[in-house]
Amino acid sequence: MDNTLNPLIGEFGDGLMAGLGGVSHNRYSLTVEGLRSPISVWHVDGNESLNQPWRYVITFTSADKALSIDSVLNQKATFSFNPVIHQPYQSVMSTISSLSDLPSVNDKRTLHGVITEFSQLSVNKEEAHYQVVLSSCLARLAIGQHSAIFQQQSVVSVVEEVLRSHGLTGIDYRLELKESYPEREFITQWQESDLEFIQRLLADVGIWFRFETHAERHCDVMVLSDYEQGYAQVADIDDKPPSGTLDRGGKVFGISACTVKWWSPQSRYKTITTVMPSPIYRGKLTPNPKTAPPMAATTVMPSTIKA
């Protein structure tokens, strides 16, 4: 072996071990604003769908057995998937061009929201088990019931007014609308939460909304749109035809769920199920297994994720 590779291999091994130790093999990271006690994520159960605030139920452990309600409930928090591992590993990986096709270890996703529920599940000699619900800030609009009358305003104008009344600014939401919406003589809200109110108004005119993360501001962004191109491309789906001596090509008539298994030291194998609320592709495929590229999903709806 070339002697010039030995230092690189040694640095790669040291960086890999240091990087894995830096995240304690945990692919999830929860940070609550103002909370100094270290916490370790144990279980995650999330739900994301169109026209609803996303919601993640997170169970975690902490050596602090007396976390107060005020220190957690209604606090801003971030939840990350696949946290970035140690820098030496990153620098070595970027040096080895032959490994560029491997999955990226720093391709993480971070959710920014607010803790809407908090409970202590159990306590033992070493630690306590807690459970929180992390939701989009839009979930706050579900609190309380209100009545109001809006005059000489469009549906979009009323929705923006309601959002701003809860502290959401132009950074927290974005309009991607192709149609124009005329003013109405009056719009009535009667004994319903602000969330139910804007959901009803938007559904009535065919506007839907989803959420994304602002890369620079590090906040949750509500995206309102009224056309199909506004959907986010989430992933590609491979067409795997059935095995057998005769193969006439795979058929996909609508995917209801995609299941992925992954391993973690805490719970061994876990299963993540993604449920698609509508068909992604219809038709007959006749791929060549040697040359056919993966089938790309034209529209992937935000979905329910269970981990």
C-alpha atoms as a PDB file:
ATOM      1  CA  MET A   1       0.000   0.000   0.000  1.00  0.00           C
ATOM      2  CA  ASP A   2       1.225   3.452  -0.857  1.00  0.00           C
ATOM      3  CA  ASN A   3       2.736   5.140   2.196  1.00  0.00           C
ATOM      4  CA  THR A   4       0.935   8.372   1.291  1.00  0.00           C
ATOM      5  CA  LEU A   5      -2.392   6.692   2.065  1.00  0.00           C
ATOM      6  CA  ASN A   6      -1.453   5.578   5.572  1.00  0.00           C
ATOM      7  CA  PRO A   7      -1.856   9.015   7.236  1.00  0.00           C
ATOM      8  CA  LEU A   8      -5.147   9.514   5.430  1.00  0.00           C
ATOM      9  CA  ILE A   9      -6.493   6.139   6.567  1.00  0.00           C
ATOM     10  CA  GLY A  10      -5.391   6.823  10.132  1.00  0.00           C
ATOM     11  CA  GLU A  11      -7.059  10.228  10.122  1.00  0.00           C
ATOM     12  CA  PHE A  12     -10.199   8.670   8.661  1.00  0.00           C
ATOM     13  CA  GLY A  13     -10.371   6.075  11.443  1.00  0.00           C
ATOM     14  CA  ASP A  14      -9.745   8.604  14.205  1.00  0.00           C
ATOM     15  CA  GLY A  15     -12.263  11.023  12.767  1.00  0.00           C
ATOM     16  CA  LEU A  16     -14.878   8.326  12.347  1.00  0.00           C
ATOM     17  CA  MET A  17     -14.574   7.129  15.941  1.00  0.00           C
ATOM     18  CA  ALA A  18     -14.528  10.673  17.293  1.00  0.00           C
ATOM     19  CA  GLY A  19     -17.507  11.630  15.163  1.00  0.00           C
ATOM     20  CA  LEU A  20     -19.610   8.679  16.211  1.00  0.00           C
ATOM     21  CA  GLY A  21     -18.747   9.319  19.820  1.00  0.00           C
ATOM     22  CA  GLY A  22     -19.754  12.945  19.445  1.00  0.00           C
ATOM     23  CA  VAL A  23     -23.371  12.076  18.732  1.00  0.00           C
ATOM     24  CA  SER A  24     -23.589   8.979  20.945  1.00  0.00           C
ATOM     25  CA  HIS A  25     -25.003   7.043  17.973  1.00  0.00           C
ATOM     26  CA  ASN A  26     -28.263   8.977  18.326  1.00  0.00           C
ATOM     27  CA  ARG A  27     -29.775  10.067  15.043  1.00  0.00           C
ATOM     28  CA  TYR A  28     -32.163  12.484  16.744  1.00  0.00           C
ATOM     29  CA  SER A  29     -31.497  15.676  18.680  1.00  0.00           C
ATOM     30  CA  LEU A  30     -34.018  17.749  20.651  1.00  0.00           C
ATOM     31  CA  THR A  31     -33.148  21.216  21.959  1.00  0.00           C
ATOM     32  CA  VAL A  32     -35.570  23.213  24.111  1.00  0.00           C
ATOM     33  CA  GLU A  33     -34.909  26.942  24.418  1.00  0.00           C
ATOM     34  CA  GLY A  34     -33.672  27.836  27.899  1.00  0.00           C
ATOM     35  CA  LEU A  35     -33.370  24.209  29.043  1.00  0.00           C
ATOM     36  CA  ARG A  36     -29.839  23.394  30.187  1.00  0.00           C
ATOM     37  CA  SER A  37     -30.396  19.805  31.328  1.00  0.00           C
ATOM     38  CA  PRO A  38     -29.022  17.267  28.810  1.00  0.00           C
ATOM     39  CA  ILE A  39     -31.684  15.095  27.207  1.00  0.00           C
ATOM     40  CA  SER A  40     -31.534  11.954  25.069  1.00  0.00           C
ATOM     41  CA  VAL A  41     -34.270  11.176  22.543  1.00  0.00           C
ATOM     42  CA  TRP A  42     -35.758   7.722  23.054  1.00  0.00           C
ATOM     43  CA  HIS A  43     -38.803   7.487  20.788  1.00  0.00           C
ATOM     44  CA  VAL A  44     -40.384   9.589  18.047  1.00  0.00           C
ATOM     45  CA  ASP A  45     -43.887   9.467  16.569  1.00  0.00           C
ATOM     46  CA  GLY A  46     -44.605  12.184  14.015  1.00  0.00           C
ATOM     47  CA  ASN A  47     -47.415  13.311  11.765  1.00  0.00           C
ATOM     48  CA  GLU A  48     -47.118  15.664   8.805  1.00  0.00           C
ATOM     49  CA  SER A  49     -49.894  16.341   6.310  1.00  0.00           C
ATOM     50  CA  LEU A  50     -51.294  19.062   4.106  1.00  0.00           C
ATOM     51  CA  ASN A  51     -53.398  21.803   5.684  1.00  0.00           C
ATOM     52  CA  GLN A  52     -52.493  20.783   9.233  1.00  0.00           C
ATOM     53  CA  PRO A  53     -49.770  21.889  11.658  1.00  0.00           C
ATOM     54  CA  TRP A  54     -47.176  19.128  11.886  1.00  0.00           C
ATOM     55  CA  ARG A  55     -46.956  17.311  15.224  1.00  0.00           C
ATOM     56  CA  TYR A  56     -44.195  15.154  16.755  1.00  0.00           C
ATOM     57  CA  VAL A  57     -44.593  13.182  19.981  1.00  0.00           C
ATOM     58  CA  ILE A  58     -41.081  12.815  21.432  1.00  0.00           C
ATOM     59  CA  THR A  59     -40.120  10.657  24.404  1.00  0.00           C
ATOM     60  CA  PHE A  60     -36.756  11.407  25.986  1.00  0.00           C
ATOM     61  CA  THR A  61     -34.711  10.671  29.088  1.00  0.00           C
ATOM     62  CA  SER A  62     -32.867  13.103  31.331  1.00  0.00           C
ATOM     63  CA  ALA A  63     -30.753  12.877  34.459  1.00  0.00           C
ATOM     64  CA  ASP A  64     -32.744  15.837  35.747  1.00  0.00           C
ATOM     65  CA  LYS A  65     -35.698  14.203  37.498  1.00  0.00           C
ATOM     66  CA  ALA A  66     -37.470  17.449  38.299  1.00  0.00           C
ATOM     67  CA  LEU A  67     -37.939  19.329  35.050  1.00  0.00           C
ATOM     68  CA  SER A  68     -40.543  22.004  35.683  1.00  0.00           C
ATOM     69  CA  ILE A  69     -43.538  22.576  33.459  1.00  0.00           C
ATOM     70  CA  ASP A  70     -42.627  26.232  32.947  1.00  0.00           C
ATOM     71  CA  SER A  71     -39.155  25.321  31.685  1.00  0.00           C
ATOM     72  CA  VAL A  72     -40.546  23.151  28.883  1.00  0.00           C
ATOM     73  CA  LEU A  73     -44.193  23.880  28.078  1.00  0.00           C
ATOM     74  CA  ASN A  74     -44.823  26.595  25.484  1.00  0.00           C
ATOM     75  CA  GLN A  75     -41.081  26.979  24.883  1.00  0.00           C
ATOM     76  CA  LYS A  76     -39.536  27.166  21.430  1.00  0.00           C
ATOM     77  CA  ALA A  77     -37.652  24.009  20.452  1.00  0.00           C
ATOM     78  CA  THR A  78     -35.795  22.417  17.556  1.00  0.00           C
ATOM     79  CA  PHE A  79     -35.776  18.771  16.554  1.00  0.00           C
ATOM     80  CA  SER A  80     -33.077  17.446  14.203  1.00  0.00           C
ATOM     81  CA  PHE A  81     -32.794  14.225  12.229  1.00  0.00           C
ATOM     82  CA  ASN A  82     -29.299  12.849  11.561  1.00  0.00           C
ATOM     83  CA  PRO A  83     -27.225  15.405  13.504  1.00  0.00           C
ATOM     84  CA  VAL A  84     -23.907  16.445  11.977  1.00  0.00           C
ATOM     85  CA  ILE A  85     -21.077  14.267  13.270  1.00  0.00           C
ATOM     86  CA  HIS A  86     -17.571  15.286  14.240  1.00  0.00           C
ATOM     87  CA  GLN A  87     -15.633  17.648  11.966  1.00  0.00           C
ATOM     88  CA  PRO A  88     -12.543  15.401  11.428  1.00  0.00           C
ATOM     89  CA  TYR A  89     -14.772  12.793   9.837  1.00  0.00           C
ATOM     90  CA  GLN A  90     -16.351  15.423   7.607  1.00  0.00           C
ATOM     91  CA  SER A  91     -12.991  16.708   6.388  1.00  0.00           C
ATOM     92  CA  VAL A  92     -11.749  13.228   5.551  1.00  0.00           C
ATOM     93  CA  MET A  93     -14.967  12.308   3.744  1.00  0.00           C
ATOM     94  CA  SER A  94     -14.716  15.405   1.575  1.00  0.00           C
ATOM     95  CA  THR A  95     -11.147  14.409   0.649  1.00  0.00           C
ATOM     96  CA  ILE A  96     -12.061  10.945  -0.617  1.00  0.00           C
ATOM     97  CA  SER A  97     -13.765  11.518  -3.959  1.00  0.00           C
ATOM     98  CA  SER A  98     -14.434   7.802  -4.492  1.00  0.00           C
ATOM     99  CA  LEU A  99     -16.924   7.878  -1.614  1.00  0.00           C
ATOM    100  CA  SER A 100     -18.979  10.717  -3.063  1.00  0.00           C
ATOM    101  CA  ASP A 101     -21.852   8.366  -3.932  1.00  0.00           C
ATOM    102  CA  LEU A 102     -22.370   7.278  -0.326  1.00  0.00           C
ATOM    103  CA  PRO A 103     -25.286   8.781   1.627  1.00  0.00           C
ATOM    104  CA  SER A 104     -24.333  12.089   3.193  1.00  0.00           C
ATOM    105  CA  VAL A 105     -23.990  12.023   6.967  1.00  0.00           C
ATOM    106  CA  ASN A 106     -24.564  15.747   7.332  1.00  0.00           C
ATOM    107  CA  ASP A 107     -27.775  15.863   5.322  1.00  0.00           C
ATOM    108  CA  LYS A 108     -29.925  16.625   8.329  1.00  0.00           C
ATOM    109  CA  ARG A 109     -33.377  18.037   8.666  1.00  0.00           C
ATOM    110  CA  THR A 110     -34.348  20.378  11.473  1.00  0.00           C
ATOM    111  CA  LEU A 111     -37.845  21.293  12.608  1.00  0.00           C
ATOM    112  CA  HIS A 112     -38.477  24.538  14.465  1.00  0.00           C
ATOM    113  CA  GLY A 113     -41.593  24.660  16.607  1.00  0.00           C
ATOM    114  CA  VAL A 114     -43.060  25.032  20.066  1.00  0.00           C
ATOM    115  CA  ILE A 115     -43.707  22.548  22.890  1.00  0.00           C
ATOM    116  CA  THR A 116     -47.497  22.234  23.203  1.00  0.00           C
ATOM    117  CA  GLU A 117     -47.667  19.297  25.652  1.00  0.00           C
ATOM    118  CA  PHE A 118     -45.365  18.046  28.426  1.00  0.00           C
ATOM    119  CA  SER A 119     -45.589  15.126  30.853  1.00  0.00           C
ATOM    120  CA  GLN A 120     -43.350  13.007  33.083  1.00  0.00           C
ATOM    121  CA  LEU A 121     -43.798   9.291  32.393  1.00  0.00           C
ATOM    122  CA  SER A 122     -41.588   7.576  34.969  1.00  0.00           C
ATOM    123  CA  VAL A 123     -38.609   8.012  37.290  1.00  0.00           C
ATOM    124  CA  ASN A 124     -35.887   5.573  38.352  1.00  0.00           C
ATOM    125  CA  LYS A 125     -32.624   5.865  40.255  1.00  0.00           C
ATOM    126  CA  GLU A 126     -30.652   7.166  37.301  1.00  0.00           C
ATOM    127  CA  GLU A 127     -33.014   9.177  35.127  1.00  0.00           C
ATOM    128  CA  ALA A 128     -36.550  10.248  34.327  1.00  0.00           C
ATOM    129  CA  HIS A 129     -38.647   9.589  31.237  1.00  0.00           C
ATOM    130  CA  TYR A 130     -40.503  12.561  29.767  1.00  0.00           C
ATOM    131  CA  GLN A 131     -42.784  13.083  26.810  1.00  0.00           C
ATOM    132  CA  VAL A 132     -43.382  16.285  24.869  1.00  0.00           C
ATOM    133  CA  VAL A 133     -45.359  17.246  21.804  1.00  0.00           C
ATOM    134  CA  LEU A 134     -43.453  19.492  19.410  1.00  0.00           C
ATOM    135  CA  SER A 135     -45.762  21.281  16.990  1.00  0.00           C
ATOM    136  CA  SER A 136     -45.604  24.000  14.402  1.00  0.00           C
ATOM    137  CA  CYS A 137     -46.165  27.469  15.826  1.00  0.00           C
ATOM    138  CA  LEU A 138     -49.393  27.474  13.837  1.00  0.00           C
ATOM    139  CA  ALA A 139     -50.790  25.011  16.400  1.00  0.00           C
ATOM    140  CA  ARG A 140     -51.187  27.909  18.825  1.00  0.00           C
ATOM    141  CA  LEU A 141     -54.059  29.142  16.673  1.00  0.00           C
ATOM    142  CA  ALA A 142     -56.105  26.139  17.829  1.00  0.00           C
ATOM    143  CA  ILE A 143     -56.348  27.537  21.373  1.00  0.00           C
ATOM    144  CA  GLY A 144     -59.666  29.155  22.243  1.00  0.00           C
ATOM    145  CA  GLN A 145     -62.783  30.018  20.261  1.00  0.00           C
ATOM    146  CA  HIS A 146     -63.457  33.396  18.711  1.00  0.00           C
ATOM    147  CA  SER A 147     -66.114  35.298  16.811  1.00  0.00           C
ATOM    148  CA  ALA A 148     -65.444  38.155  14.404  1.00  0.00           C
ATOM    149  CA  ILE A 149     -66.670  39.896  11.253  1.00  0.00           C
ATOM    150  CA  PHE A 150     -64.300  41.046   8.491  1.00  0.00           C
ATOM    151  CA  GLN A 151     -65.651  43.542   5.960  1.00  0.00           C
ATOM    152  CA  GLN A 152     -64.473  44.368   2.453  1.00  0.00           C
ATOM    153  CA  GLN A 153     -61.554  41.943   2.560  1.00  0.00           C
ATOM    154  CA  SER A 154     -60.465  38.967   0.494  1.00  0.00           C
ATOM    155  CA  VAL A 155     -59.930  35.507   1.949  1.00  0.00           C
ATOM    156  CA  VAL A 156     -56.158  35.896   1.631  1.00  0.00           C
ATOM    157  CA  SER A 157     -56.242  39.271   3.381  1.00  0.00           C
ATOM    158  CA  VAL A 158     -58.269  37.858   6.283  1.00  0.00           C
ATOM    159  CA  VAL A 159     -55.927  34.875   6.664  1.00  0.00           C
ATOM    160  CA  GLU A 160     -52.900  37.181   6.742  1.00  0.00           C
ATOM    161  CA  GLU A 161     -54.573  39.378   9.350  1.00  0.00           C
ATOM    162  CA  VAL A 162     -55.264  36.376  11.576  1.00  0.00           C
ATOM    163  CA  LEU A 163     -51.689  35.117  11.208  1.00  0.00           C
ATOM    164  CA  ARG A 164     -50.228  38.526  12.070  1.00  0.00           C
ATOM    165  CA  SER A 165     -52.472  38.780  15.135  1.00  0.00           C
ATOM    166  CA  HIS A 166     -50.641  35.729  16.496  1.00  0.00           C
ATOM    167  CA  GLY A 167     -47.198  37.214  15.895  1.00  0.00           C
ATOM    168  CA  LEU A 168     -46.464  35.567  12.540  1.00  0.00           C
ATOM    169  CA  THR A 169     -44.630  37.940  10.213  1.00  0.00           C
ATOM    170  CA  GLY A 170     -43.710  37.875   6.541  1.00  0.00           C
ATOM    171  CA  ILE A 171     -40.837  35.520   7.354  1.00  0.00           C
ATOM    172  CA  ASP A 172     -43.123  32.958   8.968  1.00  0.00           C
ATOM    173  CA  TYR A 173     -45.390  32.487   5.946  1.00  0.00           C
ATOM    174  CA  ARG A 174     -45.138  32.804   2.170  1.00  0.00           C
ATOM    175  CA  LEU A 175     -47.790  33.155  -0.527  1.00  0.00           C
ATOM    176  CA  GLU A 176     -47.339  31.211  -3.778  1.00  0.00           C
ATOM    177  CA  LEU A 177     -50.662  31.991  -5.455  1.00  0.00           C
ATOM    178  CA  LYS A 178     -51.510  32.064  -9.156  1.00  0.00           C
ATOM    179  CA  GLU A 179     -55.142  33.128  -8.833  1.00  0.00           C
ATOM    180  CA  SER A 180     -56.492  36.438  -7.587  1.00  0.00           C
ATOM    181  CA  TYR A 181     -59.139  36.480  -4.878  1.00  0.00           C
ATOM    182  CA  PRO A 182     -61.730  39.279  -4.820  1.00  0.00           C
ATOM    183  CA  GLU A 183     -62.920  41.166  -1.789  1.00  0.00           C
ATOM    184  CA  ARG A 184     -66.064  39.949  -0.070  1.00  0.00           C
ATOM    185  CA  GLU A 185     -68.709  42.103   1.514  1.00  0.00           C
ATOM    186  CA  PHE A 186     -68.163  40.354   4.822  1.00  0.00           C
ATOM    187  CA  ILE A 187     -66.580  37.182   6.203  1.00  0.00           C
ATOM    188  CA  THR A 188     -67.849  35.771   9.483  1.00  0.00           C
ATOM    189  CA  GLN A 189     -66.056  33.787  12.168  1.00  0.00           C
ATOM    190  CA  TRP A 190     -68.366  32.293  14.788  1.00  0.00           C
ATOM    191  CA  GLN A 191     -67.331  30.294  17.846  1.00  0.00           C
ATOM    192  CA  GLU A 192     -64.357  28.566  16.217  1.00  0.00           C
ATOM    193  CA  SER A 193     -60.635  28.644  16.775  1.00  0.00           C
ATOM    194  CA  ASP A 194     -58.491  30.801  14.519  1.00  0.00           C
ATOM    195  CA  LEU A 195     -56.935  27.631  13.086  1.00  0.00           C
ATOM    196  CA  GLU A 196     -60.325  26.165  12.185  1.00  0.00           C
ATOM    197  CA  PHE A 197     -61.333  29.528  10.757  1.00  0.00           C
ATOM    198  CA  ILE A 198     -58.425  29.914   8.345  1.00  0.00           C
ATOM    199  CA  GLN A 199     -58.569  26.227   7.393  1.00  0.00           C
ATOM    200  CA  ARG A 200     -62.223  26.651   6.440  1.00  0.00           C
ATOM    201  CA  LEU A 201     -61.581  29.816   4.453  1.00  0.00           C
ATOM    202  CA  LEU A 202     -58.619  28.383   2.556  1.00  0.00           C
ATOM    203  CA  ALA A 203     -60.393  25.114   1.751  1.00  0.00           C
ATOM    204  CA  ASP A 204     -63.379  27.065   0.430  1.00  0.00           C
ATOM    205  CA  VAL A 205     -61.287  28.800  -2.253  1.00  0.00           C
ATOM    206  CA  GLY A 206     -58.924  25.888  -2.991  1.00  0.00           C
ATOM    207  CA  ILE A 207     -55.790  27.127  -1.235  1.00  0.00           C
ATOM    208  CA  TRP A 208     -53.687  24.547   0.596  1.00  0.00           C
ATOM    209  CA  PHE A 209     -50.645  24.956   2.814  1.00  0.00           C
ATOM    210  CA  ARG A 210     -47.544  23.053   3.832  1.00  0.00           C
ATOM    211  CA  PHE A 211     -44.450  23.778   5.910  1.00  0.00           C
ATOM    212  CA  GLU A 212     -40.745  24.116   5.218  1.00  0.00           C
ATOM    213  CA  THR A 213     -37.686  25.317   7.110  1.00  0.00           C
ATOM    214  CA  HIS A 214     -36.112  28.691   6.339  1.00  0.00           C
ATOM    215  CA  ALA A 215     -32.432  27.924   5.684  1.00  0.00           C
ATOM    216  CA  GLU A 216     -31.122  31.315   6.845  1.00  0.00           C
ATOM    217  CA  ARG A 217     -33.603  32.387   9.514  1.00  0.00           C
ATOM    218  CA  HIS A 218     -33.853  28.882  11.008  1.00  0.00           C
ATOM    219  CA  CYS A 219     -37.595  29.051  11.491  1.00  0.00           C
ATOM    220  CA  ASP A 220     -40.735  27.247  10.376  1.00  0.00           C
ATOM    221  CA  VAL A 221     -42.345  28.683   7.231  1.00  0.00           C
ATOM    222  CA  MET A 222     -45.979  28.183   6.241  1.00  0.00           C
ATOM    223  CA  VAL A 223     -46.287  28.032   2.440  1.00  0.00           C
ATOM    224  CA  LEU A 224     -49.734  28.760   0.964  1.00  0.00           C
ATOM    225  CA  SER A 225     -50.347  27.751  -2.644  1.00  0.00           C
ATOM    226  CA  ASP A 226     -53.205  27.109  -5.058  1.00  0.00           C
ATOM    227  CA  TYR A 227     -51.580  25.054  -7.829  1.00  0.00           C
ATOM    228  CA  GLU A 228     -50.067  21.584  -8.093  1.00  0.00           C
ATOM    229  CA  GLN A 229     -46.529  22.782  -8.864  1.00  0.00           C
ATOM    230  CA  GLY A 230     -46.346  24.065  -5.317  1.00  0.00           C
ATOM    231  CA  TYR A 231     -45.945  20.553  -3.941  1.00  0.00           C
ATOM    232  CA  ALA A 232     -42.473  19.701  -2.645  1.00  0.00           C
ATOM    233  CA  GLN A 233     -40.434  16.919  -4.258  1.00  0.00           C
ATOM    234  CA  VAL A 234     -39.581  14.688  -1.311  1.00  0.00           C
ATOM    235  CA  ALA A 235     -37.954  11.548  -2.735  1.00  0.00           C
ATOM    236  CA  ASP A 236     -37.593   9.131  -5.643  1.00  0.00           C
ATOM    237  CA  ILE A 237     -39.308   5.745  -5.566  1.00  0.00           C
ATOM    238  CA  ASP A 238     -37.719   2.722  -7.240  1.00  0.00           C
ATOM    239  CA  ASP A 239     -39.902   0.402  -9.321  1.00  0.00           C
ATOM    240  CA  LYS A 240     -39.049  -3.187  -8.312  1.00  0.00           C
ATOM    241  CA  PRO A 241     -40.889  -5.679 -10.564  1.00  0.00           C
ATOM    242  CA  PRO A 242     -42.015  -9.016  -9.080  1.00  0.00           C
ATOM    243  CA  SER A 243     -39.525 -11.872  -9.278  1.00  0.00           C
ATOM    244  CA  GLY A 244     -40.218 -14.983 -11.347  1.00  0.00           C
ATOM    245  CA  THR A 245     -39.413 -16.682 -14.621  1.00  0.00           C
ATOM    246  CA  LEU A 246     -41.838 -14.472 -16.543  1.00  0.00           C
ATOM    247  CA  ASP A 247     -41.635 -10.751 -16.005  1.00  0.00           C
ATOM    248  CA  ARG A 248     -43.909  -8.490 -18.026  1.00  0.00           C
ATOM    249  CA  GLY A 249     -42.955  -5.353 -16.177  1.00  0.00           C
ATOM    250  CA  GLY A 250     -43.999  -3.887 -12.865  1.00  0.00           C
ATOM    251  CA  LYS A 251     -47.291  -2.128 -12.355  1.00  0.00           C
ATOM    252  CA  VAL A 252     -47.818   0.697  -9.911  1.00  0.00           C
ATOM    253  CA  PHE A 253     -51.436   1.649  -9.312  1.00  0.00           C
ATOM    254  CA  GLY A 254     -50.920   3.826  -6.238  1.00  0.00           C
ATOM    255  CA  ILE A 255     -48.641   3.588  -3.251  1.00  0.00           C
ATOM    256  CA  SER A 256     -50.225   3.532   0.174  1.00  0.00           C
ATOM    257  CA  ALA A 257     -47.108   3.159   2.319  1.00  0.00           C
ATOM    258  CA  CYS A 258     -43.329   2.947   2.158  1.00  0.00           C
ATOM    259  CA  THR A 259     -41.521   1.127   4.956  1.00  0.00           C
ATOM    260  CA  VAL A 260     -37.849   1.559   5.846  1.00  0.00           C
ATOM    261  CA  LYS A 261     -35.981  -0.231   8.614  1.00  0.00           C
ATOM    262  CA  TRP A 262     -32.947   1.237  10.323  1.00  0.00           C
ATOM    263  CA  TRP A 263     -30.846   0.305  13.321  1.00  0.00           C
ATOM    264  CA  SER A 264     -29.936   2.201  16.475  1.00  0.00           C
ATOM    265  CA  PRO A 265     -28.133   0.936  19.601  1.00  0.00           C
ATOM    266  CA  GLN A 266     -30.998   2.101  21.813  1.00  0.00           C
ATOM    267  CA  SER A 267     -33.808   0.160  20.200  1.00  0.00           C
ATOM    268  CA  ARG A 268     -32.103  -2.101  17.636  1.00  0.00           C
ATOM    269  CA  TYR A 269     -34.260  -2.209  14.526  1.00  0.00           C
ATOM    270  CA  LYS A 270     -36.875   0.471  14.004  1.00  0.00           C
ATOM    271  CA  THR A 271     -39.449   0.726  11.262  1.00  0.00           C
ATOM    272  CA  ILE A 272     -40.420   4.007   9.647  1.00  0.00           C
ATOM    273  CA  THR A 273     -43.672   3.931   7.690  1.00  0.00           C
ATOM    274  CA  THR A 274     -44.586   6.750   5.327  1.00  0.00           C
ATOM    275  CA  VAL A 275     -48.246   6.788   4.321  1.00  0.00           C
ATOM    276  CA  MET A 276     -49.203   8.487   1.057  1.00  0.00           C
ATOM    277  CA  PRO A 277     -52.766   9.848   1.084  1.00  0.00           C
ATOM    278  CA  SER A 278     -53.121   9.752  -2.703  1.00  0.00           C
ATOM    279  CA  PRO A 279     -51.729   7.755  -5.671  1.00  0.00           C
ATOM    280  CA  ILE A 280     -48.348   8.925  -6.895  1.00  0.00           C
ATOM    281  CA  TYR A 281     -48.212   7.157 -10.265  1.00  0.00           C
ATOM    282  CA  ARG A 282     -50.615   5.212 -12.453  1.00  0.00           C
ATOM    283  CA  GLY A 283     -49.648   3.132 -15.450  1.00  0.00           C
ATOM    284  CA  LYS A 284     -47.534   0.223 -16.585  1.00  0.00           C
ATOM    285  CA  LEU A 285     -43.762   0.173 -16.394  1.00  0.00           C
ATOM    286  CA  THR A 286     -41.514  -2.025 -18.513  1.00  0.00           C
ATOM    287  CA  PRO A 287     -38.053  -1.187 -17.195  1.00  0.00           C
ATOM    288  CA  ASN A 288     -34.802  -2.794 -18.181  1.00  0.00           C
ATOM    289  CA  PRO A 289     -33.250  -3.893 -14.857  1.00  0.00           C
ATOM    290  CA  LYS A 290     -29.778  -3.068 -16.160  1.00  0.00           C
ATOM    291  CA  THR A 291     -30.398   0.382 -17.585  1.00  0.00           C
ATOM    292  CA  ALA A 292     -33.666   1.709 -16.207  1.00  0.00           C
ATOM    293  CA  PRO A 293     -33.261   4.642 -13.805  1.00  0.00           C
ATOM    294  CA  PRO A 294     -35.302   4.904 -10.618  1.00  0.00           C
ATOM    295  CA  MET A 295     -38.907   5.974 -11.088  1.00  0.00           C
ATOM    296  CA  ALA A 296     -39.264   9.560  -9.912  1.00  0.00           C
ATOM    297  CA  ALA A 297     -42.402  10.468  -8.026  1.00  0.00           C
ATOM    298  CA  THR A 298     -43.975  13.471  -9.722  1.00  0.00           C
ATOM    299  CA  THR A 299     -45.896  14.519  -6.624  1.00  0.00           C
ATOM    300  CA  VAL A 300     -45.163  13.414  -3.088  1.00  0.00           C
ATOM    301  CA  MET A 301     -47.622  14.655  -0.520  1.00  0.00           C
ATOM    302  CA  PRO A 302     -46.480  15.479   3.027  1.00  0.00           C
ATOM    303  CA  SER A 303     -47.230  12.359   4.992  1.00  0.00           C
ATOM    304  CA  THR A 304     -47.479  10.539   8.277  1.00  0.00           C
ATOM    305  CA  ILE A 305     -44.149   9.294   9.667  1.00  0.00           C
ATOM    306  CA  LYS A 306     -43.884   6.831  12.492  1.00  0.00           C
ATOM    307  CA  ALA A 307     -40.514   5.993  14.017  1.00  0.00           C
END
